Amino acid sequence: MKPKLSVITIVYNNVKDIERTMLSVLNQTYPNIEYIIVDGASNDGTYEKIAQYKDKLACFISEPDKGIYDAMNKGLALAKGDYVLFMNSGDEIYDNHTVENVFNTAPSGDIYYGETEMYDEDWHSLGQRRHEAPEQFNWQSFKYGMNISHQAIYVKRSLTEPYDLKYKYSSDIDWIIKAAKKSSNIVNTHQYVAKYLVGGMSKKKHWESLKERFKIFTHYYGFFPNVFNHFVIAVSLAGYYLRHGRTND
């Protein structure tokens, strides 16, 4: 039996992008996917767009929520797959063969991860993320920045916990670190697995997101090491910006 993958999409008032995200999941060649969509009671046509594909979804709920991670927790509670992948509205699974290729990389990984390609709001490619996926990944790998995007990591559901709602913008970092601490077999797929639309909530609330990240990294890595690591991150960011004219975070 091929492992079941629960793909969870959360969305609120994003009729412009939701269908593109949905089709990237629904057109996968991998046969064992359950697709869960959690909508925050959209009123811009998003609900109606999703409803067109309702018969292809494992679950579709539309109701008010308390924020991004509350919606993600709703999706996680509904998931029944062996693995979970969060593919939020505006983002895409890289191509139609990606999920199949991920699980063909190695058997029985606790976590699978890969690279992410960045896109602007007009869906023009900005290239690879500034933080390239590390050759080997563990719970300490985020000390110099979040080098795996949330859309590019497949996590065994038995290792997951609900997102901590005290973090409003960066709880995904805490969530991944917790899962990685429990993992003994983390697989680098050595391939692009996701396309990411820049400008999400962590960008719109950039300063608040950075403060939360610092708090999370301090919790796991210690205050003084985290201060030094952020100096390294700042130097790296400045160098990348001077070379490319953008950050590609």
C-alpha atoms as a PDB file:
ATOM      1  CA  MET A   1       0.000   0.000   0.000  1.00  0.00           C
ATOM      2  CA  LYS A   2       1.210   3.438  -0.872  1.00  0.00           C
ATOM      3  CA  PRO A   3       1.032   5.748   2.165  1.00  0.00           C
ATOM      4  CA  LYS A   4      -1.939   8.081   2.278  1.00  0.00           C
ATOM      5  CA  LEU A   5      -1.124  11.786   2.099  1.00  0.00           C
ATOM      6  CA  SER A   6      -3.470  14.340   3.620  1.00  0.00           C
ATOM      7  CA  VAL A   7      -3.073  17.623   1.769  1.00  0.00           C
ATOM      8  CA  ILE A   8      -4.600  20.532   3.697  1.00  0.00           C
ATOM      9  CA  THR A   9      -5.354  23.912   2.153  1.00  0.00           C
ATOM     10  CA  ILE A  10      -6.516  26.852   4.242  1.00  0.00           C
ATOM     11  CA  VAL A  11      -8.003  29.874   2.540  1.00  0.00           C
ATOM     12  CA  TYR A  12      -9.886  33.090   3.193  1.00  0.00           C
ATOM     13  CA  ASN A  13     -11.124  35.402   0.436  1.00  0.00           C
ATOM     14  CA  ASN A  14      -8.639  34.365  -2.244  1.00  0.00           C
ATOM     15  CA  VAL A  15     -10.767  33.594  -5.269  1.00  0.00           C
ATOM     16  CA  LYS A  16      -7.892  34.764  -7.506  1.00  0.00           C
ATOM     17  CA  ASP A  17      -5.561  31.912  -6.523  1.00  0.00           C
ATOM     18  CA  ILE A  18      -7.524  29.088  -4.911  1.00  0.00           C
ATOM     19  CA  GLU A  19      -8.341  27.162  -8.098  1.00  0.00           C
ATOM     20  CA  ARG A  20      -4.697  27.105  -9.161  1.00  0.00           C
ATOM     21  CA  THR A  21      -3.715  25.646  -5.800  1.00  0.00           C
ATOM     22  CA  MET A  22      -6.517  23.084  -5.885  1.00  0.00           C
ATOM     23  CA  LEU A  23      -5.657  21.857  -9.369  1.00  0.00           C
ATOM     24  CA  SER A  24      -2.025  21.353  -8.375  1.00  0.00           C
ATOM     25  CA  VAL A  25      -3.305  18.857  -5.795  1.00  0.00           C
ATOM     26  CA  LEU A  26      -6.171  17.294  -7.719  1.00  0.00           C
ATOM     27  CA  ASN A  27      -4.014  16.663 -10.818  1.00  0.00           C
ATOM     28  CA  GLN A  28      -1.378  14.642  -8.958  1.00  0.00           C
ATOM     29  CA  THR A  29      -0.533  11.244 -10.446  1.00  0.00           C
ATOM     30  CA  TYR A  30      -0.150   9.816  -6.944  1.00  0.00           C
ATOM     31  CA  PRO A  31      -3.255   7.710  -6.220  1.00  0.00           C
ATOM     32  CA  ASN A  32      -3.602   7.930  -2.437  1.00  0.00           C
ATOM     33  CA  ILE A  33      -4.326  11.548  -1.524  1.00  0.00           C
ATOM     34  CA  GLU A  34      -7.112  12.939   0.620  1.00  0.00           C
ATOM     35  CA  TYR A  35      -7.649  16.638   0.049  1.00  0.00           C
ATOM     36  CA  ILE A  36      -9.009  18.796   2.870  1.00  0.00           C
ATOM     37  CA  ILE A  37      -9.924  22.451   2.433  1.00  0.00           C
ATOM     38  CA  VAL A  38     -10.623  24.742   5.373  1.00  0.00           C
ATOM     39  CA  ASP A  39     -12.195  28.046   4.367  1.00  0.00           C
ATOM     40  CA  GLY A  40     -12.625  30.882   6.855  1.00  0.00           C
ATOM     41  CA  ALA A  41     -16.143  31.758   5.652  1.00  0.00           C
ATOM     42  CA  SER A  42     -15.031  33.590   2.510  1.00  0.00           C
ATOM     43  CA  ASN A  43     -17.461  36.002   0.884  1.00  0.00           C
ATOM     44  CA  ASP A  44     -15.612  36.944  -2.336  1.00  0.00           C
ATOM     45  CA  GLY A  45     -16.521  33.926  -4.471  1.00  0.00           C
ATOM     46  CA  THR A  46     -13.890  31.605  -2.991  1.00  0.00           C
ATOM     47  CA  TYR A  47     -16.530  29.348  -1.433  1.00  0.00           C
ATOM     48  CA  GLU A  48     -18.342  28.985  -4.734  1.00  0.00           C
ATOM     49  CA  LYS A  49     -15.109  28.217  -6.594  1.00  0.00           C
ATOM     50  CA  ILE A  50     -14.202  25.470  -4.129  1.00  0.00           C
ATOM     51  CA  ALA A  51     -17.720  24.063  -4.253  1.00  0.00           C
ATOM     52  CA  GLN A  52     -17.269  23.358  -7.972  1.00  0.00           C
ATOM     53  CA  TYR A  53     -14.774  20.651  -6.984  1.00  0.00           C
ATOM     54  CA  LYS A  54     -16.560  19.413  -3.864  1.00  0.00           C
ATOM     55  CA  ASP A  55     -17.006  15.861  -5.154  1.00  0.00           C
ATOM     56  CA  LYS A  56     -13.206  15.535  -5.475  1.00  0.00           C
ATOM     57  CA  LEU A  57     -12.502  16.629  -1.904  1.00  0.00           C
ATOM     58  CA  ALA A  58     -12.279  14.421   1.167  1.00  0.00           C
ATOM     59  CA  CYS A  59     -13.574  17.283   3.309  1.00  0.00           C
ATOM     60  CA  PHE A  60     -14.549  20.909   2.842  1.00  0.00           C
ATOM     61  CA  ILE A  61     -15.551  23.157   5.720  1.00  0.00           C
ATOM     62  CA  SER A  62     -16.305  26.872   5.626  1.00  0.00           C
ATOM     63  CA  GLU A  63     -16.663  28.694   8.919  1.00  0.00           C
ATOM     64  CA  PRO A  64     -15.060  31.567  10.839  1.00  0.00           C
ATOM     65  CA  ASP A  65     -11.755  30.820  12.545  1.00  0.00           C
ATOM     66  CA  LYS A  66      -9.375  32.497  14.970  1.00  0.00           C
ATOM     67  CA  GLY A  67      -6.543  32.883  12.478  1.00  0.00           C
ATOM     68  CA  ILE A  68      -4.231  30.925  10.191  1.00  0.00           C
ATOM     69  CA  TYR A  69      -3.074  28.348  12.717  1.00  0.00           C
ATOM     70  CA  ASP A  70      -6.522  27.770  14.140  1.00  0.00           C
ATOM     71  CA  ALA A  71      -7.614  26.908  10.582  1.00  0.00           C
ATOM     72  CA  MET A  72      -4.592  24.647  10.167  1.00  0.00           C
ATOM     73  CA  ASN A  73      -5.461  22.867  13.402  1.00  0.00           C
ATOM     74  CA  LYS A  74      -8.961  22.232  12.079  1.00  0.00           C
ATOM     75  CA  GLY A  75      -7.474  20.629   8.976  1.00  0.00           C
ATOM     76  CA  LEU A  76      -5.005  18.591  10.998  1.00  0.00           C
ATOM     77  CA  ALA A  77      -7.813  17.274  13.220  1.00  0.00           C
ATOM     78  CA  LEU A  78      -9.681  16.090  10.117  1.00  0.00           C
ATOM     79  CA  ALA A  79      -6.663  14.412   8.489  1.00  0.00           C
ATOM     80  CA  LYS A  80      -6.527  10.622   8.380  1.00  0.00           C
ATOM     81  CA  GLY A  81      -3.467  10.177   6.177  1.00  0.00           C
ATOM     82  CA  ASP A  82      -0.124   8.668   7.095  1.00  0.00           C
ATOM     83  CA  TYR A  83       1.512  11.993   6.172  1.00  0.00           C
ATOM     84  CA  VAL A  84       0.343  15.592   6.094  1.00  0.00           C
ATOM     85  CA  LEU A  85       1.246  18.423   3.751  1.00  0.00           C
ATOM     86  CA  PHE A  86       0.003  22.006   4.097  1.00  0.00           C
ATOM     87  CA  MET A  87      -0.459  23.668   0.711  1.00  0.00           C
ATOM     88  CA  ASN A  88      -2.088  26.998   1.447  1.00  0.00           C
ATOM     89  CA  SER A  89      -4.057  29.053  -1.050  1.00  0.00           C
ATOM     90  CA  GLY A  90      -1.779  30.654  -3.627  1.00  0.00           C
ATOM     91  CA  ASP A  91       0.911  27.990  -3.408  1.00  0.00           C
ATOM     92  CA  GLU A  92       1.266  24.868  -5.543  1.00  0.00           C
ATOM     93  CA  ILE A  93       2.666  21.376  -5.470  1.00  0.00           C
ATOM     94  CA  TYR A  94       5.533  21.690  -7.941  1.00  0.00           C
ATOM     95  CA  ASP A  95       4.219  19.525 -10.787  1.00  0.00           C
ATOM     96  CA  ASN A  96       1.762  16.692 -11.357  1.00  0.00           C
ATOM     97  CA  HIS A  97       4.319  13.965 -10.517  1.00  0.00           C
ATOM     98  CA  THR A  98       5.756  15.572  -7.396  1.00  0.00           C
ATOM     99  CA  VAL A  99       3.976  13.547  -4.689  1.00  0.00           C
ATOM    100  CA  GLU A 100       4.705  10.301  -6.513  1.00  0.00           C
ATOM    101  CA  ASN A 101       8.375  11.259  -6.841  1.00  0.00           C
ATOM    102  CA  VAL A 102       8.617  12.290  -3.182  1.00  0.00           C
ATOM    103  CA  PHE A 103       7.440   8.930  -1.874  1.00  0.00           C
ATOM    104  CA  ASN A 104       9.601   7.070  -4.405  1.00  0.00           C
ATOM    105  CA  THR A 105      12.696   8.740  -2.970  1.00  0.00           C
ATOM    106  CA  ALA A 106      12.941   6.402   0.021  1.00  0.00           C
ATOM    107  CA  PRO A 107      10.582   4.131   1.974  1.00  0.00           C
ATOM    108  CA  SER A 108       9.079   5.012   5.347  1.00  0.00           C
ATOM    109  CA  GLY A 109      10.640   8.407   5.994  1.00  0.00           C
ATOM    110  CA  ASP A 110       9.489  10.308   9.060  1.00  0.00           C
ATOM    111  CA  ILE A 111       9.800  13.542   7.100  1.00  0.00           C
ATOM    112  CA  TYR A 112      10.386  14.222   3.404  1.00  0.00           C
ATOM    113  CA  TYR A 113      11.543  17.646   2.238  1.00  0.00           C
ATOM    114  CA  GLY A 114      12.747  19.457  -0.855  1.00  0.00           C
ATOM    115  CA  GLU A 115      13.309  22.786  -2.556  1.00  0.00           C
ATOM    116  CA  THR A 116      10.853  25.630  -3.159  1.00  0.00           C
ATOM    117  CA  GLU A 117      10.548  27.960  -6.131  1.00  0.00           C
ATOM    118  CA  MET A 118       9.300  31.475  -5.386  1.00  0.00           C
ATOM    119  CA  TYR A 119       6.676  33.342  -7.443  1.00  0.00           C
ATOM    120  CA  ASP A 120       5.420  36.921  -7.430  1.00  0.00           C
ATOM    121  CA  GLU A 121       1.752  37.967  -7.381  1.00  0.00           C
ATOM    122  CA  ASP A 122       1.594  37.781 -11.192  1.00  0.00           C
ATOM    123  CA  TRP A 123       2.930  34.223 -10.998  1.00  0.00           C
ATOM    124  CA  HIS A 124       6.328  35.021 -12.468  1.00  0.00           C
ATOM    125  CA  SER A 125       9.142  32.883 -11.122  1.00  0.00           C
ATOM    126  CA  LEU A 126      11.636  34.549  -8.778  1.00  0.00           C
ATOM    127  CA  GLY A 127      13.804  31.443  -8.656  1.00  0.00           C
ATOM    128  CA  GLN A 128      14.945  29.351  -5.725  1.00  0.00           C
ATOM    129  CA  ARG A 129      14.483  30.501  -2.154  1.00  0.00           C
ATOM    130  CA  ARG A 130      17.425  32.323  -0.620  1.00  0.00           C
ATOM    131  CA  HIS A 131      17.491  29.653   2.075  1.00  0.00           C
ATOM    132  CA  GLU A 132      18.353  26.502   0.136  1.00  0.00           C
ATOM    133  CA  ALA A 133      17.243  23.219   1.665  1.00  0.00           C
ATOM    134  CA  PRO A 134      20.154  21.717   3.630  1.00  0.00           C
ATOM    135  CA  GLU A 135      21.700  18.441   2.509  1.00  0.00           C
ATOM    136  CA  GLN A 136      20.755  16.988   5.884  1.00  0.00           C
ATOM    137  CA  PHE A 137      17.977  18.346   8.071  1.00  0.00           C
ATOM    138  CA  ASN A 138      17.266  18.035  11.791  1.00  0.00           C
ATOM    139  CA  TRP A 139      15.611  20.118  14.492  1.00  0.00           C
ATOM    140  CA  GLN A 140      18.657  22.379  14.789  1.00  0.00           C
ATOM    141  CA  SER A 141      18.787  23.207  11.078  1.00  0.00           C
ATOM    142  CA  PHE A 142      16.683  26.367  11.430  1.00  0.00           C
ATOM    143  CA  LYS A 143      19.269  28.151  13.587  1.00  0.00           C
ATOM    144  CA  TYR A 144      20.423  30.218  10.574  1.00  0.00           C
ATOM    145  CA  GLY A 145      16.937  30.710   9.146  1.00  0.00           C
ATOM    146  CA  MET A 146      13.945  28.683   7.999  1.00  0.00           C
ATOM    147  CA  ASN A 147      15.700  26.774   5.230  1.00  0.00           C
ATOM    148  CA  ILE A 148      12.725  24.536   4.411  1.00  0.00           C
ATOM    149  CA  SER A 149       9.431  26.158   3.568  1.00  0.00           C
ATOM    150  CA  HIS A 150       6.228  24.882   5.122  1.00  0.00           C
ATOM    151  CA  GLN A 151       4.898  23.890   1.692  1.00  0.00           C
ATOM    152  CA  ALA A 152       7.944  21.716   1.003  1.00  0.00           C
ATOM    153  CA  ILE A 153       7.789  19.329   3.942  1.00  0.00           C
ATOM    154  CA  TYR A 154       5.790  16.105   4.258  1.00  0.00           C
ATOM    155  CA  VAL A 155       5.473  15.036   7.897  1.00  0.00           C
ATOM    156  CA  LYS A 156       4.316  11.700   9.286  1.00  0.00           C
ATOM    157  CA  ARG A 157       1.025  12.531  10.961  1.00  0.00           C
ATOM    158  CA  SER A 158       1.850  10.501  14.074  1.00  0.00           C
ATOM    159  CA  LEU A 159       4.702  12.950  14.791  1.00  0.00           C
ATOM    160  CA  THR A 160       2.582  16.086  14.585  1.00  0.00           C
ATOM    161  CA  GLU A 161       1.019  18.208  17.297  1.00  0.00           C
ATOM    162  CA  PRO A 162      -1.524  21.007  16.994  1.00  0.00           C
ATOM    163  CA  TYR A 163      -0.060  24.394  16.128  1.00  0.00           C
ATOM    164  CA  ASP A 164       0.639  26.541  19.177  1.00  0.00           C
ATOM    165  CA  LEU A 165      -1.869  29.393  18.920  1.00  0.00           C
ATOM    166  CA  LYS A 166       0.203  31.727  21.069  1.00  0.00           C
ATOM    167  CA  TYR A 167       2.208  32.325  17.877  1.00  0.00           C
ATOM    168  CA  LYS A 168       0.141  34.206  15.296  1.00  0.00           C
ATOM    169  CA  TYR A 169       2.620  34.403  12.396  1.00  0.00           C
ATOM    170  CA  SER A 170       5.419  31.850  12.894  1.00  0.00           C
ATOM    171  CA  SER A 171       3.844  28.849  14.587  1.00  0.00           C
ATOM    172  CA  ASP A 172       4.786  26.734  11.559  1.00  0.00           C
ATOM    173  CA  ILE A 173       8.443  27.030  12.571  1.00  0.00           C
ATOM    174  CA  ASP A 174       7.704  25.762  16.072  1.00  0.00           C
ATOM    175  CA  TRP A 175       5.550  22.973  14.583  1.00  0.00           C
ATOM    176  CA  ILE A 176       8.276  21.726  12.230  1.00  0.00           C
ATOM    177  CA  ILE A 177      10.963  21.820  14.925  1.00  0.00           C
ATOM    178  CA  LYS A 178       8.774  19.768  17.270  1.00  0.00           C
ATOM    179  CA  ALA A 179       8.179  17.155  14.573  1.00  0.00           C
ATOM    180  CA  ALA A 180      11.863  17.061  13.598  1.00  0.00           C
ATOM    181  CA  LYS A 181      12.894  16.471  17.230  1.00  0.00           C
ATOM    182  CA  LYS A 182      10.817  13.263  17.170  1.00  0.00           C
ATOM    183  CA  SER A 183      12.151  12.094  13.799  1.00  0.00           C
ATOM    184  CA  SER A 184      14.888   9.548  13.172  1.00  0.00           C
ATOM    185  CA  ASN A 185      14.595   9.234   9.377  1.00  0.00           C
ATOM    186  CA  ILE A 186      14.420  12.565   7.530  1.00  0.00           C
ATOM    187  CA  VAL A 187      14.683  12.251   3.749  1.00  0.00           C
ATOM    188  CA  ASN A 188      16.038  14.883   1.374  1.00  0.00           C
ATOM    189  CA  THR A 189      14.219  14.340  -1.929  1.00  0.00           C
ATOM    190  CA  HIS A 190      16.785  16.448  -3.841  1.00  0.00           C
ATOM    191  CA  GLN A 191      14.036  17.962  -5.983  1.00  0.00           C
ATOM    192  CA  TYR A 192      11.738  20.947  -6.200  1.00  0.00           C
ATOM    193  CA  VAL A 193       8.495  20.046  -4.461  1.00  0.00           C
ATOM    194  CA  ALA A 194       6.607  23.347  -4.050  1.00  0.00           C
ATOM    195  CA  LYS A 195       5.887  26.721  -5.611  1.00  0.00           C
ATOM    196  CA  TYR A 196       5.407  29.536  -3.110  1.00  0.00           C
ATOM    197  CA  LEU A 197       3.509  32.789  -3.633  1.00  0.00           C
ATOM    198  CA  VAL A 198       5.378  35.591  -1.879  1.00  0.00           C
ATOM    199  CA  GLY A 199       3.550  38.114   0.274  1.00  0.00           C
ATOM    200  CA  GLY A 200       1.689  35.953   2.776  1.00  0.00           C
ATOM    201  CA  MET A 201       0.739  36.935   6.319  1.00  0.00           C
ATOM    202  CA  SER A 202       4.314  36.607   7.600  1.00  0.00           C
ATOM    203  CA  LYS A 203       5.339  39.240   5.034  1.00  0.00           C
ATOM    204  CA  LYS A 204       2.391  41.545   5.692  1.00  0.00           C
ATOM    205  CA  LYS A 205       3.176  41.392   9.412  1.00  0.00           C
ATOM    206  CA  HIS A 206       6.904  41.121   8.860  1.00  0.00           C
ATOM    207  CA  TRP A 207       8.146  42.740  12.068  1.00  0.00           C
ATOM    208  CA  GLU A 208       5.724  40.794  14.261  1.00  0.00           C
ATOM    209  CA  SER A 209       6.740  37.600  12.452  1.00  0.00           C
ATOM    210  CA  LEU A 210      10.437  38.282  13.019  1.00  0.00           C
ATOM    211  CA  LYS A 211       9.877  38.875  16.728  1.00  0.00           C
ATOM    212  CA  GLU A 212       8.023  35.579  17.016  1.00  0.00           C
ATOM    213  CA  ARG A 213      10.753  33.744  15.128  1.00  0.00           C
ATOM    214  CA  PHE A 214      13.391  35.174  17.464  1.00  0.00           C
ATOM    215  CA  LYS A 215      11.361  34.000  20.447  1.00  0.00           C
ATOM    216  CA  ILE A 216      10.943  30.499  19.006  1.00  0.00           C
ATOM    217  CA  PHE A 217      14.618  30.158  18.077  1.00  0.00           C
ATOM    218  CA  THR A 218      15.669  31.412  21.514  1.00  0.00           C
ATOM    219  CA  HIS A 219      13.465  28.758  23.118  1.00  0.00           C
ATOM    220  CA  TYR A 220      15.138  25.949  21.171  1.00  0.00           C
ATOM    221  CA  TYR A 221      18.689  27.208  20.630  1.00  0.00           C
ATOM    222  CA  GLY A 222      19.352  29.578  23.546  1.00  0.00           C
ATOM    223  CA  PHE A 223      19.427  33.384  23.717  1.00  0.00           C
ATOM    224  CA  PHE A 224      23.106  34.161  23.096  1.00  0.00           C
ATOM    225  CA  PRO A 225      23.598  31.577  20.321  1.00  0.00           C
ATOM    226  CA  ASN A 226      20.423  32.950  18.720  1.00  0.00           C
ATOM    227  CA  VAL A 227      21.750  36.529  18.824  1.00  0.00           C
ATOM    228  CA  PHE A 228      24.938  35.387  17.075  1.00  0.00           C
ATOM    229  CA  ASN A 229      22.998  33.304  14.564  1.00  0.00           C
ATOM    230  CA  HIS A 230      20.822  36.300  13.698  1.00  0.00           C
ATOM    231  CA  PHE A 231      23.945  38.356  13.037  1.00  0.00           C
ATOM    232  CA  VAL A 232      24.994  35.675  10.542  1.00  0.00           C
ATOM    233  CA  ILE A 233      21.489  35.710   9.039  1.00  0.00           C
ATOM    234  CA  ALA A 234      21.594  39.522   8.661  1.00  0.00           C
ATOM    235  CA  VAL A 235      24.980  39.449   6.906  1.00  0.00           C
ATOM    236  CA  SER A 236      23.782  36.692   4.568  1.00  0.00           C
ATOM    237  CA  LEU A 237      20.550  38.563   3.816  1.00  0.00           C
ATOM    238  CA  ALA A 238      22.385  41.798   3.053  1.00  0.00           C
ATOM    239  CA  GLY A 239      24.786  40.016   0.724  1.00  0.00           C
ATOM    240  CA  TYR A 240      21.971  38.269  -1.126  1.00  0.00           C
ATOM    241  CA  TYR A 241      20.019  41.510  -1.519  1.00  0.00           C
ATOM    242  CA  LEU A 242      23.058  43.338  -2.921  1.00  0.00           C
ATOM    243  CA  ARG A 243      23.559  40.564  -5.487  1.00  0.00           C
ATOM    244  CA  HIS A 244      19.922  40.001  -6.515  1.00  0.00           C
ATOM    245  CA  GLY A 245      17.929  43.085  -5.497  1.00  0.00           C
ATOM    246  CA  ARG A 246      15.433  40.977  -3.524  1.00  0.00           C
ATOM    247  CA  THR A 247      15.466  38.665  -0.513  1.00  0.00           C
ATOM    248  CA  ASN A 248      13.544  35.581  -1.780  1.00  0.00           C
ATOM    249  CA  ASP A 249      12.635  34.528   1.769  1.00  0.00           C
END
